[in-house]
Amino acid sequence: MVHSIIVSLPKPTSLNEYYAGKHWSSRSRSTKQIRGIVKVLLLEQGQPPFSVDTYSISLRSNGRTDIDNRIMAIKWLNDCMEKDLKWVRSDNPKVFKRFEIEQVDELEKDEFQAKITFYGR
């Protein structure tokens, strides 16, 4: 079985900005806040209707940051689906098989859309 959802995400913090001189407590606080937002956005799309064996994430975005610095959006999704919602059992390579980040100039400025595809039984 295959099930996909599309989630519009808030603009992620750049990976460089996230680690640039911020104290761990500040990173922890902002991570907790954003994961709360991501959880609500995922719940609006609905839980996969089956037990998830593997999954992949495709992030389409129109941002000004370097494309590799947008990885925080993928991290938020993974952590939320595994730790908060328990939709996936792990984000290790046996379960989380693939991700891609694509610059799409046709999207609105700072628009971020994630397509999560779940595979299971």
C-alpha atoms as a PDB file:
ATOM      1  CA  MET A   1       0.000   0.000   0.000  1.00  0.00           C
ATOM      2  CA  VAL A   2       1.060   3.560  -0.679  1.00  0.00           C
ATOM      3  CA  HIS A   3      -0.277   6.737   0.935  1.00  0.00           C
ATOM      4  CA  SER A   4       0.968  10.307   0.409  1.00  0.00           C
ATOM      5  CA  ILE A   5       0.268  13.573   2.166  1.00  0.00           C
ATOM      6  CA  ILE A   6       1.373  17.104   1.312  1.00  0.00           C
ATOM      7  CA  VAL A   7       2.146  19.482   4.160  1.00  0.00           C
ATOM      8  CA  SER A   8       2.820  23.214   3.852  1.00  0.00           C
ATOM      9  CA  LEU A   9       5.543  24.070   6.348  1.00  0.00           C
ATOM     10  CA  PRO A  10       6.742  27.286   7.931  1.00  0.00           C
ATOM     11  CA  LYS A  11      10.038  28.574   6.587  1.00  0.00           C
ATOM     12  CA  PRO A  12      12.706  26.486   8.323  1.00  0.00           C
ATOM     13  CA  THR A  13      15.637  27.926  10.177  1.00  0.00           C
ATOM     14  CA  SER A  14      18.775  27.625   8.091  1.00  0.00           C
ATOM     15  CA  LEU A  15      21.096  24.892   9.347  1.00  0.00           C
ATOM     16  CA  ASN A  16      23.878  27.488   9.536  1.00  0.00           C
ATOM     17  CA  GLU A  17      21.700  29.868  11.563  1.00  0.00           C
ATOM     18  CA  TYR A  18      20.527  27.064  13.845  1.00  0.00           C
ATOM     19  CA  TYR A  19      24.033  26.181  14.970  1.00  0.00           C
ATOM     20  CA  ALA A  20      25.757  29.568  14.636  1.00  0.00           C
ATOM     21  CA  GLY A  21      26.556  30.561  18.186  1.00  0.00           C
ATOM     22  CA  LYS A  22      23.188  29.660  19.689  1.00  0.00           C
ATOM     23  CA  HIS A  23      23.180  28.133  23.134  1.00  0.00           C
ATOM     24  CA  TRP A  24      21.737  24.606  23.272  1.00  0.00           C
ATOM     25  CA  SER A  25      18.860  25.830  25.453  1.00  0.00           C
ATOM     26  CA  SER A  26      17.802  28.307  22.762  1.00  0.00           C
ATOM     27  CA  ARG A  27      17.936  25.575  20.085  1.00  0.00           C
ATOM     28  CA  SER A  28      15.967  23.228  22.323  1.00  0.00           C
ATOM     29  CA  ARG A  29      13.259  25.826  22.975  1.00  0.00           C
ATOM     30  CA  SER A  30      12.839  26.724  19.287  1.00  0.00           C
ATOM     31  CA  THR A  31      12.845  23.042  18.267  1.00  0.00           C
ATOM     32  CA  LYS A  32      10.083  22.234  20.746  1.00  0.00           C
ATOM     33  CA  GLN A  33       7.998  25.155  19.483  1.00  0.00           C
ATOM     34  CA  ILE A  34       8.370  24.311  15.791  1.00  0.00           C
ATOM     35  CA  ARG A  35       7.725  20.610  16.356  1.00  0.00           C
ATOM     36  CA  GLY A  36       4.436  21.582  17.990  1.00  0.00           C
ATOM     37  CA  ILE A  37       3.475  23.500  14.851  1.00  0.00           C
ATOM     38  CA  VAL A  38       4.579  20.658  12.559  1.00  0.00           C
ATOM     39  CA  LYS A  39       2.574  18.167  14.643  1.00  0.00           C
ATOM     40  CA  VAL A  40      -0.619  20.171  14.125  1.00  0.00           C
ATOM     41  CA  LEU A  41       0.059  20.462  10.382  1.00  0.00           C
ATOM     42  CA  LEU A  42       0.634  16.708  10.085  1.00  0.00           C
ATOM     43  CA  LEU A  43      -2.482  15.852  12.109  1.00  0.00           C
ATOM     44  CA  GLU A  44      -4.547  18.047   9.768  1.00  0.00           C
ATOM     45  CA  GLN A  45      -3.490  15.750   6.907  1.00  0.00           C
ATOM     46  CA  GLY A  46      -4.339  12.578   8.806  1.00  0.00           C
ATOM     47  CA  GLN A  47      -2.437   9.534   9.945  1.00  0.00           C
ATOM     48  CA  PRO A  48      -1.449   6.918   7.346  1.00  0.00           C
ATOM     49  CA  PRO A  49      -4.266   4.321   7.148  1.00  0.00           C
ATOM     50  CA  PHE A  50      -1.890   1.376   7.596  1.00  0.00           C
ATOM     51  CA  SER A  51       1.239   0.261   9.422  1.00  0.00           C
ATOM     52  CA  VAL A  52       4.196   2.103   7.874  1.00  0.00           C
ATOM     53  CA  ASP A  53       7.164  -0.027   6.790  1.00  0.00           C
ATOM     54  CA  THR A  54       9.124   2.674   4.968  1.00  0.00           C
ATOM     55  CA  TYR A  55       8.687   6.283   3.908  1.00  0.00           C
ATOM     56  CA  SER A  56      10.270   9.084   1.886  1.00  0.00           C
ATOM     57  CA  ILE A  57      10.085  12.881   1.943  1.00  0.00           C
ATOM     58  CA  SER A  58      10.270  15.285  -0.968  1.00  0.00           C
ATOM     59  CA  LEU A  59      10.639  18.968  -0.041  1.00  0.00           C
ATOM     60  CA  ARG A  60       9.751  21.555  -2.674  1.00  0.00           C
ATOM     61  CA  SER A  61      10.627  25.113  -1.764  1.00  0.00           C
ATOM     62  CA  ASN A  62      11.338  28.587  -3.015  1.00  0.00           C
ATOM     63  CA  GLY A  63      13.819  29.987  -0.562  1.00  0.00           C
ATOM     64  CA  ARG A  64      16.858  32.211  -0.619  1.00  0.00           C
ATOM     65  CA  THR A  65      19.022  30.017   1.609  1.00  0.00           C
ATOM     66  CA  ASP A  66      21.379  27.446   0.177  1.00  0.00           C
ATOM     67  CA  ILE A  67      19.355  24.368  -0.662  1.00  0.00           C
ATOM     68  CA  ASP A  68      21.302  22.135   1.735  1.00  0.00           C
ATOM     69  CA  ASN A  69      20.526  24.480   4.639  1.00  0.00           C
ATOM     70  CA  ARG A  70      16.818  23.654   4.280  1.00  0.00           C
ATOM     71  CA  ILE A  71      17.407  20.203   5.776  1.00  0.00           C
ATOM     72  CA  MET A  72      15.912  21.344   9.105  1.00  0.00           C
ATOM     73  CA  ALA A  73      12.425  20.991   7.578  1.00  0.00           C
ATOM     74  CA  ILE A  74      13.116  17.301   6.929  1.00  0.00           C
ATOM     75  CA  LYS A  75      14.498  16.903  10.460  1.00  0.00           C
ATOM     76  CA  TRP A  76      11.357  18.467  12.000  1.00  0.00           C
ATOM     77  CA  LEU A  77       9.103  16.122  10.025  1.00  0.00           C
ATOM     78  CA  ASN A  78      11.115  13.026  10.925  1.00  0.00           C
ATOM     79  CA  ASP A  79      11.309  13.822  14.621  1.00  0.00           C
ATOM     80  CA  CYS A  80       7.635  14.692  14.841  1.00  0.00           C
ATOM     81  CA  MET A  81       6.446  11.574  12.969  1.00  0.00           C
ATOM     82  CA  GLU A  82       8.681   9.294  15.042  1.00  0.00           C
ATOM     83  CA  LYS A  83       8.802  10.811  18.522  1.00  0.00           C
ATOM     84  CA  ASP A  84       5.583  12.829  18.812  1.00  0.00           C
ATOM     85  CA  LEU A  85       3.021  11.057  16.629  1.00  0.00           C
ATOM     86  CA  LYS A  86       4.501   7.531  16.488  1.00  0.00           C
ATOM     87  CA  TRP A  87       3.518   7.240  12.820  1.00  0.00           C
ATOM     88  CA  VAL A  88       6.902   5.712  11.945  1.00  0.00           C
ATOM     89  CA  ARG A  89       8.972   3.403  14.116  1.00  0.00           C
ATOM     90  CA  SER A  90      12.321   5.014  13.288  1.00  0.00           C
ATOM     91  CA  ASP A  91      14.085   7.429  10.980  1.00  0.00           C
ATOM     92  CA  ASN A  92      16.991   5.040  10.396  1.00  0.00           C
ATOM     93  CA  PRO A  93      17.905   4.085   6.803  1.00  0.00           C
ATOM     94  CA  LYS A  94      15.905   0.835   6.930  1.00  0.00           C
ATOM     95  CA  VAL A  95      12.707   2.855   7.417  1.00  0.00           C
ATOM     96  CA  PHE A  96      13.426   6.351   6.070  1.00  0.00           C
ATOM     97  CA  LYS A  97      14.584   5.427   2.582  1.00  0.00           C
ATOM     98  CA  ARG A  98      14.906   8.692   0.682  1.00  0.00           C
ATOM     99  CA  PHE A  99      14.685  12.448   0.785  1.00  0.00           C
ATOM    100  CA  GLU A 100      15.101  15.188  -1.754  1.00  0.00           C
ATOM    101  CA  ILE A 101      15.093  18.956  -1.575  1.00  0.00           C
ATOM    102  CA  GLU A 102      14.149  20.856  -4.702  1.00  0.00           C
ATOM    103  CA  GLN A 103      14.194  24.568  -5.516  1.00  0.00           C
ATOM    104  CA  VAL A 104      10.928  25.433  -7.302  1.00  0.00           C
ATOM    105  CA  ASP A 105      10.915  29.043  -8.474  1.00  0.00           C
ATOM    106  CA  GLU A 106       7.204  28.868  -9.355  1.00  0.00           C
ATOM    107  CA  LEU A 107       6.247  28.580  -5.668  1.00  0.00           C
ATOM    108  CA  GLU A 108       5.617  31.704  -3.620  1.00  0.00           C
ATOM    109  CA  LYS A 109       8.678  33.233  -1.957  1.00  0.00           C
ATOM    110  CA  ASP A 110       9.599  31.248   1.193  1.00  0.00           C
ATOM    111  CA  GLU A 111       6.930  28.619   0.470  1.00  0.00           C
ATOM    112  CA  PHE A 112       7.843  25.113   1.650  1.00  0.00           C
ATOM    113  CA  GLN A 113       5.828  22.017   0.732  1.00  0.00           C
ATOM    114  CA  ALA A 114       6.702  18.515   1.868  1.00  0.00           C
ATOM    115  CA  LYS A 115       5.301  15.418   0.217  1.00  0.00           C
ATOM    116  CA  ILE A 116       5.584  12.431   2.536  1.00  0.00           C
ATOM    117  CA  THR A 117       5.012   9.036   0.948  1.00  0.00           C
ATOM    118  CA  PHE A 118       4.346   6.091   3.244  1.00  0.00           C
ATOM    119  CA  TYR A 119       4.696   2.467   2.157  1.00  0.00           C
ATOM    120  CA  GLY A 120       3.255  -0.356   4.183  1.00  0.00           C
ATOM    121  CA  ARG A 121       0.702  -3.059   4.661  1.00  0.00           C
END
